[in-house]
Amino acid sequence: MLNPKLRKDITPGLKVSVVLKLDQRTGKLTEGIVKRILTNSATHPHGIKVLLESGLVGRVSKIN
């Protein structure tokens, strides 16, 4: 099982659901394909921050 809080489990091209900055209060998920990983640390308690191919930036909540 892949963990959205571990950087090593997220790779470009992976289909994920992210929480965008503007949706943090509601927790609304947005689906997309990872273009680039933005978090430098190996783990993050709120999920790894990624840039989606759509140009949106969010923290990975679920790996689809």
N, C-alpha and C. Protein backbone atom coordinates (compact mmCIF):
# COMPACT_ATOMS: atom_id res chain seq x y z
N MET A 1 0.85 -1.19 0.00
CA MET A 1 0.00 0.00 0.00
C MET A 1 0.89 1.25 0.00
N LEU A 2 0.62 2.16 -0.91
CA LEU A 2 1.40 3.39 -1.02
C LEU A 2 0.90 4.42 -0.01
N ASN A 3 1.83 5.12 0.64
CA ASN A 3 1.51 6.09 1.66
C ASN A 3 1.67 7.51 1.10
N PRO A 4 0.59 8.33 1.09
CA PRO A 4 0.67 9.68 0.54
C PRO A 4 1.55 10.63 1.36
N LYS A 5 1.99 10.19 2.55
CA LYS A 5 2.83 11.04 3.40
C LYS A 5 4.33 10.75 3.23
N LEU A 6 4.65 9.76 2.38
CA LEU A 6 6.04 9.39 2.11
C LEU A 6 6.44 9.81 0.70
N ARG A 7 7.50 10.59 0.60
CA ARG A 7 7.97 11.08 -0.70
C ARG A 7 8.36 9.95 -1.64
N LYS A 8 8.95 8.88 -1.09
CA LYS A 8 9.43 7.76 -1.92
C LYS A 8 8.29 7.02 -2.62
N ASP A 9 7.05 7.14 -2.10
CA ASP A 9 5.90 6.45 -2.69
C ASP A 9 5.24 7.25 -3.81
N ILE A 10 5.68 8.49 -4.03
CA ILE A 10 5.06 9.35 -5.04
C ILE A 10 6.04 9.59 -6.18
N THR A 11 5.58 9.32 -7.39
CA THR A 11 6.43 9.48 -8.56
C THR A 11 5.67 10.24 -9.65
N PRO A 12 6.38 10.99 -10.50
CA PRO A 12 5.72 11.66 -11.61
C PRO A 12 4.96 10.65 -12.49
N GLY A 13 3.77 11.02 -12.93
CA GLY A 13 2.94 10.14 -13.74
C GLY A 13 1.91 9.38 -12.93
N LEU A 14 2.01 9.45 -11.60
CA LEU A 14 1.09 8.74 -10.71
C LEU A 14 -0.23 9.50 -10.62
N LYS A 15 -1.37 8.78 -10.64
CA LYS A 15 -2.68 9.42 -10.49
C LYS A 15 -2.98 9.53 -9.00
N VAL A 16 -3.25 10.77 -8.56
CA VAL A 16 -3.47 11.03 -7.13
C VAL A 16 -4.67 11.95 -6.92
N SER A 17 -5.11 12.01 -5.67
CA SER A 17 -6.11 12.99 -5.24
C SER A 17 -5.40 13.92 -4.27
N VAL A 18 -5.51 15.23 -4.51
CA VAL A 18 -4.84 16.21 -3.66
C VAL A 18 -5.85 17.16 -3.04
N VAL A 19 -5.44 17.78 -1.93
CA VAL A 19 -6.21 18.86 -1.32
C VAL A 19 -5.49 20.15 -1.69
N LEU A 20 -6.18 21.02 -2.44
CA LEU A 20 -5.62 22.31 -2.83
C LEU A 20 -5.62 23.24 -1.63
N LYS A 21 -4.74 24.25 -1.65
CA LYS A 21 -4.64 25.22 -0.56
C LYS A 21 -6.01 25.83 -0.25
N LEU A 22 -6.75 26.22 -1.29
CA LEU A 22 -8.04 26.87 -1.06
C LEU A 22 -9.10 25.91 -0.56
N ASP A 23 -8.85 24.60 -0.65
CA ASP A 23 -9.81 23.59 -0.17
C ASP A 23 -9.41 22.97 1.16
N GLN A 24 -8.38 23.52 1.83
CA GLN A 24 -7.90 22.91 3.08
C GLN A 24 -8.97 22.88 4.16
N ARG A 25 -9.81 23.90 4.23
CA ARG A 25 -10.86 23.94 5.26
C ARG A 25 -11.90 22.85 5.03
N THR A 26 -12.28 22.62 3.77
CA THR A 26 -13.33 21.65 3.46
C THR A 26 -12.77 20.25 3.24
N GLY A 27 -11.50 20.15 2.82
CA GLY A 27 -10.92 18.85 2.55
C GLY A 27 -11.32 18.29 1.19
N LYS A 28 -11.88 19.14 0.32
CA LYS A 28 -12.31 18.71 -1.02
C LYS A 28 -11.11 18.19 -1.81
N LEU A 29 -11.29 17.04 -2.46
CA LEU A 29 -10.21 16.41 -3.21
C LEU A 29 -10.28 16.77 -4.69
N THR A 30 -9.12 16.93 -5.30
CA THR A 30 -8.99 17.19 -6.73
C THR A 30 -8.08 16.12 -7.30
N GLU A 31 -8.54 15.43 -8.36
CA GLU A 31 -7.74 14.37 -8.98
C GLU A 31 -6.83 14.94 -10.04
N GLY A 32 -5.69 14.27 -10.22
CA GLY A 32 -4.77 14.68 -11.25
C GLY A 32 -3.58 13.75 -11.35
N ILE A 33 -2.70 14.06 -12.30
CA ILE A 33 -1.48 13.29 -12.53
C ILE A 33 -0.30 14.12 -12.03
N VAL A 34 0.58 13.49 -11.24
CA VAL A 34 1.75 14.19 -10.69
C VAL A 34 2.70 14.56 -11.82
N LYS A 35 3.05 15.86 -11.88
CA LYS A 35 4.04 16.32 -12.84
C LYS A 35 5.40 16.45 -12.15
N ARG A 36 5.37 17.01 -10.91
CA ARG A 36 6.61 17.24 -10.18
C ARG A 36 6.33 17.20 -8.68
N ILE A 37 7.29 16.69 -7.91
CA ILE A 37 7.19 16.67 -6.45
C ILE A 37 7.83 17.95 -5.91
N LEU A 38 7.10 18.67 -5.06
CA LEU A 38 7.58 19.94 -4.54
C LEU A 38 8.16 19.84 -3.12
N THR A 39 7.76 18.82 -2.36
CA THR A 39 8.27 18.64 -1.00
C THR A 39 9.66 18.04 -1.06
N ASN A 40 10.61 18.65 -0.34
CA ASN A 40 11.99 18.15 -0.33
C ASN A 40 12.23 17.09 0.74
N SER A 41 11.51 17.16 1.86
CA SER A 41 11.74 16.21 2.94
C SER A 41 11.16 14.83 2.59
N ALA A 42 11.64 13.80 3.28
CA ALA A 42 11.23 12.42 3.01
C ALA A 42 9.77 12.16 3.38
N THR A 43 9.28 12.87 4.40
CA THR A 43 7.89 12.70 4.85
C THR A 43 7.28 14.06 5.15
N HIS A 44 5.95 14.11 5.19
CA HIS A 44 5.24 15.31 5.63
C HIS A 44 3.93 14.88 6.27
N PRO A 45 3.61 15.38 7.46
CA PRO A 45 2.40 14.94 8.18
C PRO A 45 1.09 15.22 7.46
N HIS A 46 1.06 16.23 6.57
CA HIS A 46 -0.18 16.57 5.86
C HIS A 46 -0.19 16.05 4.43
N GLY A 47 0.82 15.32 4.04
CA GLY A 47 0.92 14.80 2.67
C GLY A 47 1.98 15.54 1.88
N ILE A 48 2.51 14.87 0.88
CA ILE A 48 3.58 15.43 0.05
C ILE A 48 2.98 16.44 -0.93
N LYS A 49 3.60 17.61 -1.04
CA LYS A 49 3.11 18.66 -1.95
C LYS A 49 3.61 18.37 -3.36
N VAL A 50 2.67 18.41 -4.32
CA VAL A 50 3.00 18.11 -5.71
C VAL A 50 2.40 19.14 -6.66
N LEU A 51 3.01 19.23 -7.82
CA LEU A 51 2.47 20.01 -8.94
C LEU A 51 1.80 19.01 -9.86
N LEU A 52 0.53 19.25 -10.19
CA LEU A 52 -0.18 18.36 -11.11
C LEU A 52 0.05 18.82 -12.54
N GLU A 53 -0.21 17.93 -13.50
CA GLU A 53 -0.05 18.28 -14.91
C GLU A 53 -0.98 19.42 -15.32
N SER A 54 -2.08 19.61 -14.56
CA SER A 54 -3.03 20.69 -14.84
C SER A 54 -2.49 22.05 -14.38
N GLY A 55 -1.36 22.03 -13.63
CA GLY A 55 -0.78 23.27 -13.13
C GLY A 55 -1.19 23.59 -11.70
N LEU A 56 -2.11 22.80 -11.13
CA LEU A 56 -2.55 23.02 -9.76
C LEU A 56 -1.53 22.42 -8.78
N VAL A 57 -1.45 23.01 -7.58
CA VAL A 57 -0.53 22.54 -6.54
C VAL A 57 -1.35 22.15 -5.33
N GLY A 58 -1.04 20.98 -4.76
CA GLY A 58 -1.75 20.53 -3.56
C GLY A 58 -0.99 19.43 -2.86
N ARG A 59 -1.51 19.05 -1.69
CA ARG A 59 -0.90 17.97 -0.91
C ARG A 59 -1.63 16.67 -1.19
N VAL A 60 -0.86 15.61 -1.45
CA VAL A 60 -1.45 14.31 -1.78
C VAL A 60 -2.19 13.76 -0.57
N SER A 61 -3.46 13.45 -0.79
CA SER A 61 -4.31 12.89 0.25
C SER A 61 -4.52 11.40 0.01
N LYS A 62 -4.57 11.02 -1.29
CA LYS A 62 -4.87 9.64 -1.66
C LYS A 62 -4.14 9.31 -2.96
N ILE A 63 -3.62 8.09 -3.03
CA ILE A 63 -2.98 7.61 -4.26
C ILE A 63 -3.99 6.68 -4.93
N ASN A 64 -4.41 7.02 -6.15
CA ASN A 64 -5.48 6.26 -6.82
C ASN A 64 -4.97 5.07 -7.59
